[in-house]
Amino acid sequence: MTTKTTQQPAEQHEGFTDEERGAMKERAQELKTAARRGPRAAKADAEGDVLAKIAEMPEADRILAERLHTIVKAAAPDLAPKLWYGMPAYARNGKVVCFFQSAQKFKTRYATLGFSDLAALDEGTLWPTSYALTELTATAEARIAALIEKAAS
């Protein structure tokens, strides 16, 4: 004799979320756009793309992203702005070193400043690779500038 269960299974997420699929589509479009532009136009156009993406953000995220863009350009002028999965990112030789993820992007509680494995932030055997951002005070800006300088070194 078999018994039937009437309980509903816990909510399961199979595959990618809508936000993750959207980010992948944005990345595919970024690659197509970069290939179409060619290497000479890429740098100036990429910064314009980053600024346009920042301008689309909700006000709280936009204010953080605009200030972060200014900090990165001052602290590590050799890092080139580019879009990466629809997020503002900063790269060396085409490879992302750090990026900004708006809270709205993945519907999270706070925006994030993240670093790739190329960032030179190593401290022993454990160090953070992302930081939550809720506002940029003078102290936070100084800390971010120091992190960016170190990451880009």
Protein backbone atom coordinates (compact mmCIF):
# COMPACT_ATOMS: atom_id res chain seq x y z
CA MET A 1 0.00 0.00 0.00
CA THR A 2 1.33 3.45 -0.88
CA THR A 3 0.57 6.65 0.89
CA LYS A 4 0.34 10.06 -0.67
CA THR A 5 1.92 13.06 0.91
CA THR A 6 -0.18 16.21 0.98
CA GLN A 7 2.59 18.49 2.13
CA GLN A 8 3.86 21.06 -0.35
CA PRO A 9 7.59 20.78 -1.00
CA ALA A 10 9.75 23.63 0.21
CA GLU A 11 10.24 26.33 -2.41
CA GLN A 12 13.04 25.22 -4.66
CA HIS A 13 15.07 27.28 -7.06
CA GLU A 14 16.12 25.34 -10.07
CA GLY A 15 18.66 26.94 -12.30
CA PHE A 16 19.33 30.65 -12.34
CA THR A 17 17.21 33.45 -10.91
CA ASP A 18 15.70 36.04 -13.22
CA GLU A 19 18.35 38.51 -12.03
CA GLU A 20 21.18 36.06 -12.77
CA ARG A 21 19.80 35.32 -16.24
CA GLY A 22 19.54 39.07 -16.85
CA ALA A 23 23.17 39.56 -15.82
CA MET A 24 24.29 36.81 -18.19
CA LYS A 25 22.35 38.40 -21.05
CA GLU A 26 23.96 41.75 -20.25
CA ARG A 27 27.41 40.13 -20.31
CA ALA A 28 26.74 38.55 -23.70
CA GLN A 29 25.65 41.94 -25.04
CA GLU A 30 28.78 43.59 -23.56
CA LEU A 31 30.99 41.11 -25.40
CA LYS A 32 29.15 41.68 -28.68
CA THR A 33 29.40 45.45 -28.29
CA ALA A 34 33.12 45.31 -27.50
CA ALA A 35 33.80 43.08 -30.52
CA ARG A 36 31.83 45.40 -32.79
CA ARG A 37 33.69 48.52 -31.57
CA GLY A 38 37.17 47.15 -31.89
CA PRO A 39 40.11 47.79 -29.56
CA ARG A 40 40.78 51.44 -30.45
CA ALA A 41 37.36 52.78 -29.53
CA ALA A 42 36.82 50.42 -26.63
CA LYS A 43 38.33 52.47 -23.79
CA ALA A 44 36.46 55.76 -24.30
CA ASP A 45 33.23 53.98 -25.20
CA ALA A 46 33.55 51.64 -22.20
CA GLU A 47 33.74 54.53 -19.75
CA GLY A 48 30.68 56.09 -21.39
CA ASP A 49 28.87 52.76 -21.01
CA VAL A 50 29.79 52.63 -17.31
CA LEU A 51 28.59 56.19 -16.72
CA ALA A 52 25.35 55.46 -18.59
CA LYS A 53 24.76 52.33 -16.49
CA ILE A 54 25.40 54.32 -13.30
CA ALA A 55 22.93 57.00 -14.46
CA GLU A 56 20.21 54.31 -14.79
CA MET A 57 20.56 53.21 -11.16
CA PRO A 58 18.12 54.17 -8.42
CA GLU A 59 19.27 57.29 -6.56
CA ALA A 60 20.86 55.60 -3.53
CA ASP A 61 22.92 53.22 -5.68
CA ARG A 62 23.69 55.93 -8.24
CA ILE A 63 25.19 58.22 -5.58
CA LEU A 64 27.44 55.40 -4.30
CA ALA A 65 28.46 54.31 -7.82
CA GLU A 66 29.27 57.86 -8.99
CA ARG A 67 31.45 58.50 -5.95
CA LEU A 68 33.11 55.09 -6.22
CA HIS A 69 33.88 55.77 -9.90
CA THR A 70 35.63 58.99 -8.91
CA ILE A 71 37.58 57.24 -6.13
CA VAL A 72 38.75 54.43 -8.42
CA LYS A 73 39.87 56.84 -11.14
CA ALA A 74 41.88 58.87 -8.59
CA ALA A 75 43.33 55.93 -6.64
CA ALA A 76 44.17 53.71 -9.63
CA PRO A 77 44.11 55.68 -12.89
CA ASP A 78 45.57 52.68 -14.74
CA LEU A 79 42.39 50.66 -14.16
CA ALA A 80 40.02 50.96 -17.11
CA PRO A 81 36.27 51.28 -16.53
CA LYS A 82 34.13 48.66 -18.26
CA LEU A 83 30.80 46.93 -17.85
CA TRP A 84 30.89 43.44 -16.41
CA TYR A 85 27.61 41.51 -16.18
CA GLY A 86 25.85 44.86 -16.34
CA MET A 87 27.85 46.28 -13.43
CA PRO A 88 30.46 49.03 -13.37
CA ALA A 89 33.87 47.37 -13.15
CA TYR A 90 37.50 48.41 -13.37
CA ALA A 91 40.05 46.30 -15.21
CA ARG A 92 43.75 45.95 -15.87
CA ASN A 93 44.64 44.53 -19.30
CA GLY A 94 40.97 43.72 -19.85
CA LYS A 95 40.63 41.64 -16.67
CA VAL A 96 38.36 42.88 -13.88
CA VAL A 97 40.09 43.85 -10.63
CA CYS A 98 37.11 45.39 -8.82
CA PHE A 99 33.42 46.08 -9.42
CA PHE A 100 30.35 47.77 -7.99
CA GLN A 101 27.12 45.82 -7.59
CA SER A 102 24.06 47.93 -6.90
CA ALA A 103 21.62 46.71 -4.27
CA GLN A 104 18.89 46.84 -6.90
CA LYS A 105 20.77 44.54 -9.32
CA PHE A 106 20.08 41.37 -7.35
CA LYS A 107 17.51 42.83 -4.96
CA THR A 108 19.85 42.80 -1.98
CA ARG A 109 19.88 44.87 1.19
CA TYR A 110 23.03 46.82 0.31
CA ALA A 111 25.34 47.68 -2.56
CA THR A 112 28.68 45.89 -2.78
CA LEU A 113 32.25 46.78 -3.71
CA GLY A 114 33.82 43.51 -4.87
CA PHE A 115 37.30 42.40 -5.87
CA SER A 116 38.39 39.60 -8.19
CA ASP A 117 41.19 37.18 -7.51
CA LEU A 118 43.49 39.54 -9.45
CA ALA A 119 43.23 42.13 -6.67
CA ALA A 120 46.38 42.16 -4.55
CA LEU A 121 44.52 42.20 -1.23
CA ASP A 122 46.06 39.08 0.26
CA GLU A 123 46.46 39.17 4.04
CA GLY A 124 47.77 35.85 5.30
CA THR A 125 45.29 33.05 4.69
CA LEU A 126 42.01 35.01 5.02
CA TRP A 127 40.82 38.34 3.61
CA PRO A 128 37.54 39.83 2.37
CA THR A 129 36.79 39.99 -1.35
CA SER A 130 33.70 42.18 -1.07
CA TYR A 131 32.42 44.98 1.11
CA ALA A 132 28.88 46.13 1.83
CA LEU A 133 28.29 49.81 1.08
CA THR A 134 25.47 51.78 2.65
CA GLU A 135 26.97 55.27 2.50
CA LEU A 136 30.31 56.83 1.72
CA THR A 137 31.67 58.82 4.63
CA ALA A 138 35.11 60.44 4.48
CA THR A 139 36.50 57.53 6.50
CA ALA A 140 34.91 54.96 4.19
CA GLU A 141 36.18 56.80 1.11
CA ALA A 142 39.74 56.82 2.48
CA ARG A 143 39.52 53.09 3.23
CA ILE A 144 38.15 52.36 -0.25
CA ALA A 145 40.91 54.44 -1.90
CA ALA A 146 43.54 52.47 0.04
CA LEU A 147 41.91 49.15 -0.92
CA ILE A 148 41.74 50.18 -4.59
CA GLU A 149 45.40 51.27 -4.60
CA LYS A 150 46.44 47.97 -3.01
CA ALA A 151 44.21 45.91 -5.30
CA ALA A 152 45.66 47.59 -8.40
CA SER A 153 49.30 47.23 -7.32
